[in-house]
Structures are given as structure tokens and as C-alpha cells.
N, C-alpha and C. Protein backbone atom coordinates (compact mmCIF):
# COMPACT_ATOMS: atom_id res chain seq x y z
N MET A 1 -15.43 -106.67 -25.64
CA MET A 1 -16.61 -106.41 -26.44
C MET A 1 -17.69 -105.89 -25.52
N THR A 2 -18.37 -104.88 -25.97
CA THR A 2 -19.51 -104.38 -25.20
C THR A 2 -20.78 -104.59 -25.99
N HIS A 3 -21.87 -104.75 -25.27
CA HIS A 3 -23.21 -104.85 -25.84
C HIS A 3 -24.07 -103.89 -25.04
N GLY A 4 -24.43 -102.77 -25.68
CA GLY A 4 -25.11 -101.72 -24.93
C GLY A 4 -24.14 -101.17 -23.90
N THR A 5 -24.51 -101.26 -22.62
CA THR A 5 -23.64 -100.79 -21.55
C THR A 5 -22.95 -101.94 -20.81
N GLN A 6 -23.18 -103.17 -21.25
CA GLN A 6 -22.63 -104.35 -20.59
C GLN A 6 -21.35 -104.82 -21.28
N THR A 7 -20.30 -105.10 -20.51
CA THR A 7 -19.06 -105.65 -21.06
C THR A 7 -19.18 -107.16 -21.06
N LEU A 8 -19.09 -107.77 -22.24
CA LEU A 8 -19.20 -109.22 -22.36
C LEU A 8 -17.85 -109.92 -22.31
N TYR A 9 -16.82 -109.29 -22.87
CA TYR A 9 -15.47 -109.84 -22.86
C TYR A 9 -14.50 -108.72 -22.55
N SER A 10 -13.39 -109.08 -21.96
CA SER A 10 -12.35 -108.10 -21.71
C SER A 10 -11.00 -108.78 -21.86
N ASN A 11 -10.11 -108.16 -22.65
CA ASN A 11 -8.75 -108.66 -22.86
C ASN A 11 -8.70 -110.10 -23.35
N VAL A 12 -9.44 -110.39 -24.41
CA VAL A 12 -9.39 -111.70 -25.05
C VAL A 12 -8.44 -111.59 -26.24
N LYS A 13 -7.39 -112.40 -26.25
CA LYS A 13 -6.43 -112.38 -27.35
C LYS A 13 -7.00 -113.20 -28.50
N LEU A 14 -7.16 -112.56 -29.66
CA LEU A 14 -7.71 -113.22 -30.84
C LEU A 14 -6.68 -113.27 -31.95
N THR A 15 -6.74 -114.33 -32.73
CA THR A 15 -5.89 -114.50 -33.89
C THR A 15 -6.78 -114.69 -35.11
N ALA A 16 -6.51 -113.95 -36.17
CA ALA A 16 -7.28 -114.09 -37.40
C ALA A 16 -6.69 -115.21 -38.24
N GLU A 17 -7.55 -116.10 -38.71
CA GLU A 17 -7.14 -117.20 -39.57
C GLU A 17 -8.09 -117.29 -40.76
N ARG A 18 -7.58 -117.77 -41.89
CA ARG A 18 -8.41 -117.96 -43.08
C ARG A 18 -9.00 -119.36 -43.02
N ASP A 19 -10.34 -119.48 -43.11
CA ASP A 19 -11.01 -120.78 -43.12
C ASP A 19 -10.70 -121.48 -44.45
N ALA A 20 -10.13 -122.67 -44.38
CA ALA A 20 -9.71 -123.40 -45.58
C ALA A 20 -10.88 -123.74 -46.49
N ALA A 21 -12.03 -124.05 -45.92
CA ALA A 21 -13.19 -124.47 -46.72
C ALA A 21 -13.88 -123.30 -47.41
N THR A 22 -14.05 -122.19 -46.68
CA THR A 22 -14.83 -121.06 -47.21
C THR A 22 -13.98 -119.89 -47.66
N GLY A 23 -12.75 -119.79 -47.14
CA GLY A 23 -11.90 -118.65 -47.45
C GLY A 23 -12.22 -117.43 -46.61
N ASP A 24 -13.20 -117.54 -45.70
CA ASP A 24 -13.59 -116.43 -44.83
C ASP A 24 -12.55 -116.22 -43.73
N LEU A 25 -12.50 -115.01 -43.20
CA LEU A 25 -11.64 -114.68 -42.08
C LEU A 25 -12.35 -115.10 -40.80
N VAL A 26 -11.66 -115.87 -39.96
CA VAL A 26 -12.25 -116.38 -38.71
C VAL A 26 -11.36 -115.93 -37.55
N TRP A 27 -11.99 -115.40 -36.51
CA TRP A 27 -11.25 -114.97 -35.32
C TRP A 27 -11.32 -116.08 -34.28
N LYS A 28 -10.16 -116.49 -33.77
CA LYS A 28 -10.10 -117.56 -32.78
C LYS A 28 -9.34 -117.08 -31.56
N SER A 29 -9.76 -117.59 -30.38
CA SER A 29 -9.07 -117.25 -29.15
C SER A 29 -8.21 -118.42 -28.71
N LYS A 30 -7.12 -118.11 -28.05
CA LYS A 30 -6.19 -119.13 -27.59
C LYS A 30 -6.83 -120.04 -26.54
N ASP A 31 -7.70 -119.46 -25.70
CA ASP A 31 -8.33 -120.23 -24.62
C ASP A 31 -9.72 -120.75 -24.99
N ASN A 32 -10.05 -120.74 -26.30
CA ASN A 32 -11.33 -121.24 -26.82
C ASN A 32 -12.55 -120.50 -26.28
N THR A 33 -12.41 -119.22 -25.99
CA THR A 33 -13.56 -118.40 -25.61
C THR A 33 -14.52 -118.35 -26.78
N THR A 34 -15.79 -118.68 -26.55
CA THR A 34 -16.79 -118.61 -27.60
C THR A 34 -17.28 -117.18 -27.71
N LEU A 35 -17.13 -116.60 -28.88
CA LEU A 35 -17.56 -115.22 -29.11
C LEU A 35 -19.00 -115.22 -29.59
N VAL A 36 -19.80 -114.31 -29.05
CA VAL A 36 -21.21 -114.24 -29.40
C VAL A 36 -21.36 -113.74 -30.83
N GLY A 37 -20.99 -112.50 -31.08
CA GLY A 37 -21.05 -111.91 -32.42
C GLY A 37 -22.45 -111.82 -32.99
N GLY A 38 -22.63 -110.85 -33.87
CA GLY A 38 -23.90 -110.70 -34.56
C GLY A 38 -25.00 -110.03 -33.76
N LEU A 39 -24.69 -109.54 -32.57
CA LEU A 39 -25.70 -108.86 -31.77
C LEU A 39 -25.83 -107.42 -32.24
N SER A 40 -27.04 -106.89 -32.17
CA SER A 40 -27.18 -105.47 -32.50
C SER A 40 -26.57 -104.67 -31.35
N ASP A 41 -26.03 -103.53 -31.64
CA ASP A 41 -25.43 -102.63 -30.65
C ASP A 41 -24.21 -103.24 -29.97
N GLU A 42 -23.41 -104.04 -30.69
CA GLU A 42 -22.18 -104.55 -30.11
C GLU A 42 -20.99 -103.80 -30.69
N HIS A 43 -19.95 -103.65 -29.90
CA HIS A 43 -18.76 -102.92 -30.31
C HIS A 43 -17.52 -103.66 -29.85
N TYR A 44 -16.53 -103.73 -30.73
CA TYR A 44 -15.24 -104.34 -30.39
C TYR A 44 -14.19 -103.24 -30.38
N TYR A 45 -13.29 -103.31 -29.42
CA TYR A 45 -12.19 -102.37 -29.33
C TYR A 45 -10.91 -103.18 -29.45
N LEU A 46 -10.21 -103.02 -30.56
CA LEU A 46 -9.01 -103.79 -30.82
C LEU A 46 -7.78 -102.92 -30.64
N TYR A 47 -6.73 -103.53 -30.14
CA TYR A 47 -5.48 -102.80 -29.99
C TYR A 47 -4.31 -103.76 -30.17
N TYR A 48 -3.19 -103.21 -30.58
CA TYR A 48 -1.97 -103.99 -30.81
C TYR A 48 -0.82 -103.22 -30.19
N PRO A 49 0.12 -103.82 -29.55
CA PRO A 49 0.24 -105.24 -29.29
C PRO A 49 -0.61 -105.64 -28.11
N TYR A 50 -0.96 -106.90 -28.06
CA TYR A 50 -1.81 -107.43 -27.01
C TYR A 50 -1.12 -107.38 -25.71
């Protein structure tokens, strides 16, 4: 993930799960990396396979 010109995360494996309480899609990392999210000017680059 980048924010402006700064790289905040690199090569974080995420898994999408459905939240049982809300039904929303939640992205979780295997190593419990806390994702910032919601910042202006942030970009995610996703690719498969990891």
C-alpha cells in the first residue's frame, strides 16, 4: 500500500472474510498486520497468486 510517495506495506498476504455480525467484507492478514485504511491518497496494488 502506498500513501502519496511513501510505501506503508509491501507483500502483505490478505484473506477476505465475511464479518458474521455485519455481513461486511473484512481483509485480514495472516501475521496480524494492522492495516491503516481510510487515508486520502492511498492506493492498494493487488495481485494473484501471492
